[in-house]
Amino acid sequence: MRRHDQHWLSVREVDDWRNHAACLTADLAAFFPITTTAAGESAEPAIRICRGCPVRMECLDFALTNDERYGVWGGTTERDRAQMKGRKRP
């Protein structure tokens, strides 16, 4: 790898949207609840964190582009994203 390529990678990593995410220091288990029923864990704690996130839309775009089927991304659940993409929930 050339020297300027290494510099580009380090600049890209520093400027990555994920470095500005509200969940960066949160417990990631909240973003992957076992279930969203009343009997189990809820996605609501993660969704609350997402509401104030400065990169919420970038996160949602990432999840939709990469077909993330599990967890809370950009304040949306698996079901929300499945509906956005017009497919049934896995």
PDB file of N, CA and C in Angstrom:
ATOM      1  N   MET A   1       0.847  -1.176   0.000  1.00  0.00           N
ATOM      2  CA  MET A   1       0.000   0.000   0.000  1.00  0.00           C
ATOM      3  C   MET A   1       0.897   1.245   0.000  1.00  0.00           C
ATOM      4  N   ARG A   2       0.535   2.192  -0.809  1.00  0.00           N
ATOM      5  CA  ARG A   2       1.311   3.435  -0.872  1.00  0.00           C
ATOM      6  C   ARG A   2       1.029   4.296   0.347  1.00  0.00           C
ATOM      7  N   ARG A   3       1.948   5.172   0.639  1.00  0.00           N
ATOM      8  CA  ARG A   3       1.849   6.026   1.829  1.00  0.00           C
ATOM      9  C   ARG A   3       0.567   6.867   1.812  1.00  0.00           C
ATOM     10  N   HIS A   4       0.232   7.493   0.671  1.00  0.00           N
ATOM     11  CA  HIS A   4      -0.971   8.330   0.651  1.00  0.00           C
ATOM     12  C   HIS A   4      -2.236   7.498   0.790  1.00  0.00           C
ATOM     13  N   ASP A   5      -2.205   6.229   0.372  1.00  0.00           N
ATOM     14  CA  ASP A   5      -3.359   5.362   0.567  1.00  0.00           C
ATOM     15  C   ASP A   5      -3.589   5.103   2.064  1.00  0.00           C
ATOM     16  N   GLN A   6      -2.503   4.902   2.811  1.00  0.00           N
ATOM     17  CA  GLN A   6      -2.627   4.698   4.248  1.00  0.00           C
ATOM     18  C   GLN A   6      -3.208   5.945   4.911  1.00  0.00           C
ATOM     19  N   HIS A   7      -2.761   7.118   4.465  1.00  0.00           N
ATOM     20  CA  HIS A   7      -3.288   8.357   5.021  1.00  0.00           C
ATOM     21  C   HIS A   7      -4.780   8.475   4.719  1.00  0.00           C
ATOM     22  N   TRP A   8      -5.184   8.160   3.517  1.00  0.00           N
ATOM     23  CA  TRP A   8      -6.597   8.239   3.146  1.00  0.00           C
ATOM     24  C   TRP A   8      -7.436   7.340   4.041  1.00  0.00           C
ATOM     25  N   LEU A   9      -6.952   6.122   4.296  1.00  0.00           N
ATOM     26  CA  LEU A   9      -7.708   5.208   5.142  1.00  0.00           C
ATOM     27  C   LEU A   9      -7.852   5.762   6.555  1.00  0.00           C
ATOM     28  N   SER A  10      -6.787   6.314   7.098  1.00  0.00           N
ATOM     29  CA  SER A  10      -6.879   6.832   8.458  1.00  0.00           C
ATOM     30  C   SER A  10      -7.803   8.043   8.528  1.00  0.00           C
ATOM     31  N   VAL A  11      -7.785   8.908   7.507  1.00  0.00           N
ATOM     32  CA  VAL A  11      -8.694  10.062   7.480  1.00  0.00           C
ATOM     33  C   VAL A  11     -10.129   9.574   7.346  1.00  0.00           C
ATOM     34  N   ARG A  12     -10.353   8.595   6.505  1.00  0.00           N
ATOM     35  CA  ARG A  12     -11.695   8.063   6.312  1.00  0.00           C
ATOM     36  C   ARG A  12     -12.223   7.453   7.597  1.00  0.00           C
ATOM     37  N   GLU A  13     -11.389   6.722   8.300  1.00  0.00           N
ATOM     38  CA  GLU A  13     -11.825   6.112   9.552  1.00  0.00           C
ATOM     39  C   GLU A  13     -12.164   7.171  10.595  1.00  0.00           C
ATOM     40  N   VAL A  14     -11.375   8.225  10.667  1.00  0.00           N
ATOM     41  CA  VAL A  14     -11.614   9.291  11.633  1.00  0.00           C
ATOM     42  C   VAL A  14     -12.919  10.014  11.324  1.00  0.00           C
ATOM     43  N   ASP A  15     -13.228  10.212  10.053  1.00  0.00           N
ATOM     44  CA  ASP A  15     -14.410  10.958   9.652  1.00  0.00           C
ATOM     45  C   ASP A  15     -15.650  10.075   9.472  1.00  0.00           C
ATOM     46  N   ASP A  16     -15.545   8.808   9.792  1.00  0.00           N
ATOM     47  CA  ASP A  16     -16.642   7.878   9.620  1.00  0.00           C
ATOM     48  C   ASP A  16     -17.841   8.303  10.469  1.00  0.00           C
ATOM     49  N   TRP A  17     -19.039   8.186   9.930  1.00  0.00           N
ATOM     50  CA  TRP A  17     -20.256   8.609  10.640  1.00  0.00           C
ATOM     51  C   TRP A  17     -20.428   7.864  11.953  1.00  0.00           C
ATOM     52  N   ARG A  18     -19.959   6.614  11.998  1.00  0.00           N
ATOM     53  CA  ARG A  18     -20.127   5.813  13.212  1.00  0.00           C
ATOM     54  C   ARG A  18     -19.406   6.412  14.410  1.00  0.00           C
ATOM     55  N   ASN A  19     -18.381   7.198  14.168  1.00  0.00           N
ATOM     56  CA  ASN A  19     -17.651   7.833  15.263  1.00  0.00           C
ATOM     57  C   ASN A  19     -18.468   8.921  15.948  1.00  0.00           C
ATOM     58  N   HIS A  20     -19.583   9.323  15.340  1.00  0.00           N
ATOM     59  CA  HIS A  20     -20.429  10.381  15.890  1.00  0.00           C
ATOM     60  C   HIS A  20     -21.756   9.847  16.408  1.00  0.00           C
ATOM     61  N   ALA A  21     -21.909   8.534  16.401  1.00  0.00           N
ATOM     62  CA  ALA A  21     -23.181   7.908  16.784  1.00  0.00           C
ATOM     63  C   ALA A  21     -23.426   8.002  18.289  1.00  0.00           C
ATOM     64  N   ALA A  22     -24.670   8.232  18.642  1.00  0.00           N
ATOM     65  CA  ALA A  22     -25.068   8.321  20.054  1.00  0.00           C
ATOM     66  C   ALA A  22     -24.869   6.984  20.764  1.00  0.00           C
ATOM     67  N   CYS A  23     -24.868   5.902  20.033  1.00  0.00           N
ATOM     68  CA  CYS A  23     -24.730   4.577  20.633  1.00  0.00           C
ATOM     69  C   CYS A  23     -23.277   4.175  20.849  1.00  0.00           C
ATOM     70  N   LEU A  24     -22.366   5.017  20.471  1.00  0.00           N
ATOM     71  CA  LEU A  24     -20.951   4.678  20.543  1.00  0.00           C
ATOM     72  C   LEU A  24     -20.528   4.191  21.922  1.00  0.00           C
ATOM     73  N   THR A  25     -21.081   4.783  22.965  1.00  0.00           N
ATOM     74  CA  THR A  25     -20.715   4.381  24.325  1.00  0.00           C
ATOM     75  C   THR A  25     -21.854   3.649  25.041  1.00  0.00           C
ATOM     76  N   ALA A  26     -22.909   3.345  24.319  1.00  0.00           N
ATOM     77  CA  ALA A  26     -24.059   2.655  24.919  1.00  0.00           C
ATOM     78  C   ALA A  26     -23.814   1.149  24.984  1.00  0.00           C
ATOM     79  N   ASP A  27     -24.622   0.485  25.788  1.00  0.00           N
ATOM     80  CA  ASP A  27     -24.590  -0.972  25.861  1.00  0.00           C
ATOM     81  C   ASP A  27     -25.213  -1.519  24.581  1.00  0.00           C
ATOM     82  N   LEU A  28     -24.409  -2.131  23.745  1.00  0.00           N
ATOM     83  CA  LEU A  28     -24.902  -2.597  22.447  1.00  0.00           C
ATOM     84  C   LEU A  28     -25.949  -3.696  22.561  1.00  0.00           C
ATOM     85  N   ALA A  29     -26.029  -4.355  23.707  1.00  0.00           N
ATOM     86  CA  ALA A  29     -27.060  -5.380  23.895  1.00  0.00           C
ATOM     87  C   ALA A  29     -28.453  -4.775  23.754  1.00  0.00           C
ATOM     88  N   ALA A  30     -28.603  -3.506  24.095  1.00  0.00           N
ATOM     89  CA  ALA A  30     -29.900  -2.834  23.962  1.00  0.00           C
ATOM     90  C   ALA A  30     -30.333  -2.749  22.504  1.00  0.00           C
ATOM     91  N   PHE A  31     -29.389  -2.767  21.582  1.00  0.00           N
ATOM     92  CA  PHE A  31     -29.693  -2.632  20.164  1.00  0.00           C
ATOM     93  C   PHE A  31     -29.990  -3.961  19.493  1.00  0.00           C
ATOM     94  N   PHE A  32     -29.827  -5.047  20.245  1.00  0.00           N
ATOM     95  CA  PHE A  32     -30.124  -6.375  19.729  1.00  0.00           C
ATOM     96  C   PHE A  32     -30.948  -7.143  20.756  1.00  0.00           C
ATOM     97  N   PRO A  33     -32.169  -6.624  21.042  1.00  0.00           N
ATOM     98  CA  PRO A  33     -33.017  -7.302  22.031  1.00  0.00           C
ATOM     99  C   PRO A  33     -33.442  -8.672  21.514  1.00  0.00           C
ATOM    100  N   ILE A  34     -33.647  -9.567  22.458  1.00  0.00           N
ATOM    101  CA  ILE A  34     -34.034 -10.931  22.100  1.00  0.00           C
ATOM    102  C   ILE A  34     -35.405 -10.938  21.434  1.00  0.00           C
ATOM    103  N   THR A  35     -36.306 -10.127  21.968  1.00  0.00           N
ATOM    104  CA  THR A  35     -37.658 -10.052  21.421  1.00  0.00           C
ATOM    105  C   THR A  35     -38.216  -8.660  21.711  1.00  0.00           C
ATOM    106  N   THR A  36     -39.215  -8.271  21.006  1.00  0.00           N
ATOM    107  CA  THR A  36     -39.837  -6.974  21.268  1.00  0.00           C
ATOM    108  C   THR A  36     -41.232  -7.134  21.855  1.00  0.00           C
ATOM    109  N   THR A  37     -41.492  -8.297  22.451  1.00  0.00           N
ATOM    110  CA  THR A  37     -42.800  -8.511  23.074  1.00  0.00           C
ATOM    111  C   THR A  37     -42.754  -8.028  24.515  1.00  0.00           C
ATOM    112  N   ALA A  38     -43.909  -7.914  25.118  1.00  0.00           N
ATOM    113  CA  ALA A  38     -43.996  -7.459  26.512  1.00  0.00           C
ATOM    114  C   ALA A  38     -43.308  -8.441  27.458  1.00  0.00           C
ATOM    115  N   ALA A  39     -43.229  -9.701  27.079  1.00  0.00           N
ATOM    116  CA  ALA A  39     -42.631 -10.712  27.942  1.00  0.00           C
ATOM    117  C   ALA A  39     -41.104 -10.682  27.899  1.00  0.00           C
ATOM    118  N   GLY A  40     -40.541 -10.043  26.881  1.00  0.00           N
ATOM    119  CA  GLY A  40     -39.089 -10.051  26.742  1.00  0.00           C
ATOM    120  C   GLY A  40     -38.517  -8.652  26.722  1.00  0.00           C
ATOM    121  N   GLU A  41     -37.331  -8.544  26.193  1.00  0.00           N
ATOM    122  CA  GLU A  41     -36.679  -7.249  26.098  1.00  0.00           C
ATOM    123  C   GLU A  41     -37.364  -6.397  25.031  1.00  0.00           C
ATOM    124  N   SER A  42     -37.253  -5.106  25.189  1.00  0.00           N
ATOM    125  CA  SER A  42     -37.872  -4.179  24.256  1.00  0.00           C
ATOM    126  C   SER A  42     -36.793  -3.418  23.499  1.00  0.00           C
ATOM    127  N   ALA A  43     -37.107  -3.027  22.285  1.00  0.00           N
ATOM    128  CA  ALA A  43     -36.203  -2.213  21.476  1.00  0.00           C
ATOM    129  C   ALA A  43     -36.285  -0.743  21.874  1.00  0.00           C
ATOM    130  N   GLU A  44     -37.239  -0.380  22.714  1.00  0.00           N
ATOM    131  CA  GLU A  44     -37.477   1.023  23.055  1.00  0.00           C
ATOM    132  C   GLU A  44     -36.261   1.742  23.648  1.00  0.00           C
ATOM    133  N   PRO A  45     -35.472   1.131  24.542  1.00  0.00           N
ATOM    134  CA  PRO A  45     -34.296   1.843  25.056  1.00  0.00           C
ATOM    135  C   PRO A  45     -33.331   2.258  23.940  1.00  0.00           C
ATOM    136  N   ALA A  46     -33.127   1.385  22.985  1.00  0.00           N
ATOM    137  CA  ALA A  46     -32.244   1.711  21.863  1.00  0.00           C
ATOM    138  C   ALA A  46     -32.866   2.788  20.977  1.00  0.00           C
ATOM    139  N   ILE A  47     -34.143   2.691  20.734  1.00  0.00           N
ATOM    140  CA  ILE A  47     -34.834   3.673  19.895  1.00  0.00           C
ATOM    141  C   ILE A  47     -34.764   5.057  20.533  1.00  0.00           C
ATOM    142  N   ARG A  48     -34.870   5.119  21.856  1.00  0.00           N
ATOM    143  CA  ARG A  48     -34.735   6.405  22.561  1.00  0.00           C
ATOM    144  C   ARG A  48     -33.357   7.017  22.343  1.00  0.00           C
ATOM    145  N   ILE A  49     -32.322   6.196  22.386  1.00  0.00           N
ATOM    146  CA  ILE A  49     -30.969   6.688  22.133  1.00  0.00           C
ATOM    147  C   ILE A  49     -30.867   7.215  20.703  1.00  0.00           C
ATOM    148  N   CYS A  50     -31.448   6.500  19.773  1.00  0.00           N
ATOM    149  CA  CYS A  50     -31.388   6.891  18.359  1.00  0.00           C
ATOM    150  C   CYS A  50     -32.092   8.224  18.086  1.00  0.00           C
ATOM    151  N   ARG A  51     -33.142   8.499  18.821  1.00  0.00           N
ATOM    152  CA  ARG A  51     -33.911   9.730  18.569  1.00  0.00           C
ATOM    153  C   ARG A  51     -33.049  10.983  18.609  1.00  0.00           C
ATOM    154  N   GLY A  52     -32.059  11.017  19.486  1.00  0.00           N
ATOM    155  CA  GLY A  52     -31.205  12.192  19.597  1.00  0.00           C
ATOM    156  C   GLY A  52     -29.877  12.057  18.879  1.00  0.00           C
ATOM    157  N   CYS A  53     -29.739  11.054  18.055  1.00  0.00           N
ATOM    158  CA  CYS A  53     -28.458  10.786  17.400  1.00  0.00           C
ATOM    159  C   CYS A  53     -28.239  11.702  16.193  1.00  0.00           C
ATOM    160  N   PRO A  54     -27.066  12.340  16.106  1.00  0.00           N
ATOM    161  CA  PRO A  54     -26.800  13.236  14.983  1.00  0.00           C
ATOM    162  C   PRO A  54     -26.579  12.515  13.658  1.00  0.00           C
ATOM    163  N   VAL A  55     -26.352  11.210  13.698  1.00  0.00           N
ATOM    164  CA  VAL A  55     -26.113  10.466  12.448  1.00  0.00           C
ATOM    165  C   VAL A  55     -27.163   9.370  12.241  1.00  0.00           C
ATOM    166  N   ARG A  56     -28.343   9.613  12.754  1.00  0.00           N
ATOM    167  CA  ARG A  56     -29.420   8.624  12.665  1.00  0.00           C
ATOM    168  C   ARG A  56     -29.725   8.234  11.218  1.00  0.00           C
ATOM    169  N   MET A  57     -29.809   9.202  10.346  1.00  0.00           N
ATOM    170  CA  MET A  57     -30.156   8.901   8.952  1.00  0.00           C
ATOM    171  C   MET A  57     -29.037   8.141   8.236  1.00  0.00           C
ATOM    172  N   GLU A  58     -27.791   8.450   8.551  1.00  0.00           N
ATOM    173  CA  GLU A  58     -26.670   7.717   7.968  1.00  0.00           C
ATOM    174  C   GLU A  58     -26.704   6.255   8.420  1.00  0.00           C
ATOM    175  N   CYS A  59     -27.048   6.051   9.683  1.00  0.00           N
ATOM    176  CA  CYS A  59     -27.153   4.709  10.241  1.00  0.00           C
ATOM    177  C   CYS A  59     -28.281   3.930   9.556  1.00  0.00           C
ATOM    178  N   LEU A  60     -29.418   4.562   9.411  1.00  0.00           N
ATOM    179  CA  LEU A  60     -30.550   3.913   8.750  1.00  0.00           C
ATOM    180  C   LEU A  60     -30.206   3.589   7.300  1.00  0.00           C
ATOM    181  N   ASP A  61     -29.569   4.519   6.609  1.00  0.00           N
ATOM    182  CA  ASP A  61     -29.162   4.282   5.226  1.00  0.00           C
ATOM    183  C   ASP A  61     -28.202   3.098   5.143  1.00  0.00           C
ATOM    184  N   PHE A  62     -27.256   3.030   6.078  1.00  0.00           N
ATOM    185  CA  PHE A  62     -26.321   1.910   6.129  1.00  0.00           C
ATOM    186  C   PHE A  62     -27.074   0.595   6.286  1.00  0.00           C
ATOM    187  N   ALA A  63     -28.027   0.565   7.216  1.00  0.00           N
ATOM    188  CA  ALA A  63     -28.783  -0.663   7.482  1.00  0.00           C
ATOM    189  C   ALA A  63     -29.599  -1.097   6.271  1.00  0.00           C
ATOM    190  N   LEU A  64     -30.226  -0.143   5.605  1.00  0.00           N
ATOM    191  CA  LEU A  64     -31.028  -0.479   4.431  1.00  0.00           C
ATOM    192  C   LEU A  64     -30.146  -0.915   3.268  1.00  0.00           C
ATOM    193  N   THR A  65     -29.046  -0.226   3.064  1.00  0.00           N
ATOM    194  CA  THR A  65     -28.127  -0.553   1.967  1.00  0.00           C
ATOM    195  C   THR A  65     -27.492  -1.927   2.168  1.00  0.00           C
ATOM    196  N   ASN A  66     -27.178  -2.253   3.415  1.00  0.00           N
ATOM    197  CA  ASN A  66     -26.497  -3.513   3.724  1.00  0.00           C
ATOM    198  C   ASN A  66     -27.452  -4.616   4.174  1.00  0.00           C
ATOM    199  N   ASP A  67     -28.743  -4.356   4.037  1.00  0.00           N
ATOM    200  CA  ASP A  67     -29.777  -5.337   4.362  1.00  0.00           C
ATOM    201  C   ASP A  67     -29.616  -5.921   5.763  1.00  0.00           C
ATOM    202  N   GLU A  68     -29.376  -5.018   6.736  1.00  0.00           N
ATOM    203  CA  GLU A  68     -29.260  -5.439   8.137  1.00  0.00           C
ATOM    204  C   GLU A  68     -30.635  -5.897   8.608  1.00  0.00           C
ATOM    205  N   ARG A  69     -30.749  -7.158   8.916  1.00  0.00           N
ATOM    206  CA  ARG A  69     -32.047  -7.718   9.297  1.00  0.00           C
ATOM    207  C   ARG A  69     -32.237  -7.865  10.791  1.00  0.00           C
ATOM    208  N   TYR A  70     -31.202  -7.602  11.562  1.00  0.00           N
ATOM    209  CA  TYR A  70     -31.296  -7.780  13.006  1.00  0.00           C
ATOM    210  C   TYR A  70     -30.868  -6.519  13.731  1.00  0.00           C
ATOM    211  N   GLY A  71     -31.510  -6.252  14.841  1.00  0.00           N
ATOM    212  CA  GLY A  71     -31.128  -5.137  15.686  1.00  0.00           C
ATOM    213  C   GLY A  71     -31.810  -3.832  15.331  1.00  0.00           C
ATOM    214  N   VAL A  72     -31.506  -2.837  16.142  1.00  0.00           N
ATOM    215  CA  VAL A  72     -32.030  -1.486  15.943  1.00  0.00           C
ATOM    216  C   VAL A  72     -30.958  -0.678  15.227  1.00  0.00           C
ATOM    217  N   TRP A  73     -31.325  -0.087  14.112  1.00  0.00           N
ATOM    218  CA  TRP A  73     -30.424   0.744  13.306  1.00  0.00           C
ATOM    219  C   TRP A  73     -31.181   2.010  12.931  1.00  0.00           C
ATOM    220  N   GLY A  74     -30.598   3.144  13.175  1.00  0.00           N
ATOM    221  CA  GLY A  74     -31.234   4.404  12.807  1.00  0.00           C
ATOM    222  C   GLY A  74     -32.604   4.590  13.419  1.00  0.00           C
ATOM    223  N   GLY A  75     -32.812   4.015  14.602  1.00  0.00           N
ATOM    224  CA  GLY A  75     -34.092   4.158  15.282  1.00  0.00           C
ATOM    225  C   GLY A  75     -35.184   3.261  14.740  1.00  0.00           C
ATOM    226  N   THR A  76     -34.815   2.266  13.950  1.00  0.00           N
ATOM    227  CA  THR A  76     -35.809   1.357  13.380  1.00  0.00           C
ATOM    228  C   THR A  76     -35.525  -0.074  13.805  1.00  0.00           C
ATOM    229  N   THR A  77     -36.576  -0.858  13.904  1.00  0.00           N
ATOM    230  CA  THR A  77     -36.462  -2.275  14.241  1.00  0.00           C
ATOM    231  C   THR A  77     -36.393  -3.090  12.953  1.00  0.00           C
ATOM    232  N   GLU A  78     -36.192  -4.389  13.135  1.00  0.00           N
ATOM    233  CA  GLU A  78     -36.189  -5.289  11.975  1.00  0.00           C
ATOM    234  C   GLU A  78     -37.494  -5.168  11.191  1.00  0.00           C
ATOM    235  N   ARG A  79     -38.585  -5.135  11.935  1.00  0.00           N
ATOM    236  CA  ARG A  79     -39.908  -5.044  11.301  1.00  0.00           C
ATOM    237  C   ARG A  79     -40.059  -3.731  10.520  1.00  0.00           C
ATOM    238  N   ASP A  80     -39.611  -2.627  11.121  1.00  0.00           N
ATOM    239  CA  ASP A  80     -39.693  -1.321  10.439  1.00  0.00           C
ATOM    240  C   ASP A  80     -38.946  -1.352   9.109  1.00  0.00           C
ATOM    241  N   ARG A  81     -37.720  -1.882   9.139  1.00  0.00           N
ATOM    242  CA  ARG A  81     -36.901  -1.900   7.922  1.00  0.00           C
ATOM    243  C   ARG A  81     -37.467  -2.854   6.884  1.00  0.00           C
ATOM    244  N   ALA A  82     -38.041  -3.971   7.340  1.00  0.00           N
ATOM    245  CA  ALA A  82     -38.661  -4.914   6.409  1.00  0.00           C
ATOM    246  C   ALA A  82     -39.823  -4.235   5.694  1.00  0.00           C
ATOM    247  N   GLN A  83     -40.618  -3.458   6.437  1.00  0.00           N
ATOM    248  CA  GLN A  83     -41.731  -2.736   5.822  1.00  0.00           C
ATOM    249  C   GLN A  83     -41.232  -1.685   4.843  1.00  0.00           C
ATOM    250  N   MET A  84     -40.140  -1.001   5.205  1.00  0.00           N
ATOM    251  CA  MET A  84     -39.570   0.001   4.307  1.00  0.00           C
ATOM    252  C   MET A  84     -39.100  -0.642   2.991  1.00  0.00           C
ATOM    253  N   LYS A  85     -38.589  -1.854   3.091  1.00  0.00           N
ATOM    254  CA  LYS A  85     -38.078  -2.535   1.897  1.00  0.00           C
ATOM    255  C   LYS A  85     -39.145  -3.390   1.220  1.00  0.00           C
ATOM    256  N   GLY A  86     -40.343  -3.417   1.806  1.00  0.00           N
ATOM    257  CA  GLY A  86     -41.443  -4.154   1.194  1.00  0.00           C
ATOM    258  C   GLY A  86     -41.318  -5.657   1.289  1.00  0.00           C
ATOM    259  N   ARG A  87     -40.745  -6.150   2.386  1.00  0.00           N
ATOM    260  CA  ARG A  87     -40.649  -7.597   2.569  1.00  0.00           C
ATOM    261  C   ARG A  87     -41.226  -7.970   3.921  1.00  0.00           C
ATOM    262  N   LYS A  88     -41.513  -9.236   4.084  1.00  0.00           N
ATOM    263  CA  LYS A  88     -42.016  -9.714   5.361  1.00  0.00           C
ATOM    264  C   LYS A  88     -40.874  -9.812   6.355  1.00  0.00           C
ATOM    265  N   ARG A  89     -41.217  -9.679   7.623  1.00  0.00           N
ATOM    266  CA  ARG A  89     -40.212  -9.796   8.694  1.00  0.00           C
ATOM    267  C   ARG A  89     -39.618 -11.192   8.698  1.00  0.00           C
ATOM    268  N   PRO A  90     -38.271 -11.294   8.869  1.00  0.00           N
ATOM    269  CA  PRO A  90     -37.637 -12.624   8.868  1.00  0.00           C
ATOM    270  C   PRO A  90     -38.121 -13.487  10.001  1.00  0.00           C
TER     271      PRO A  90
END
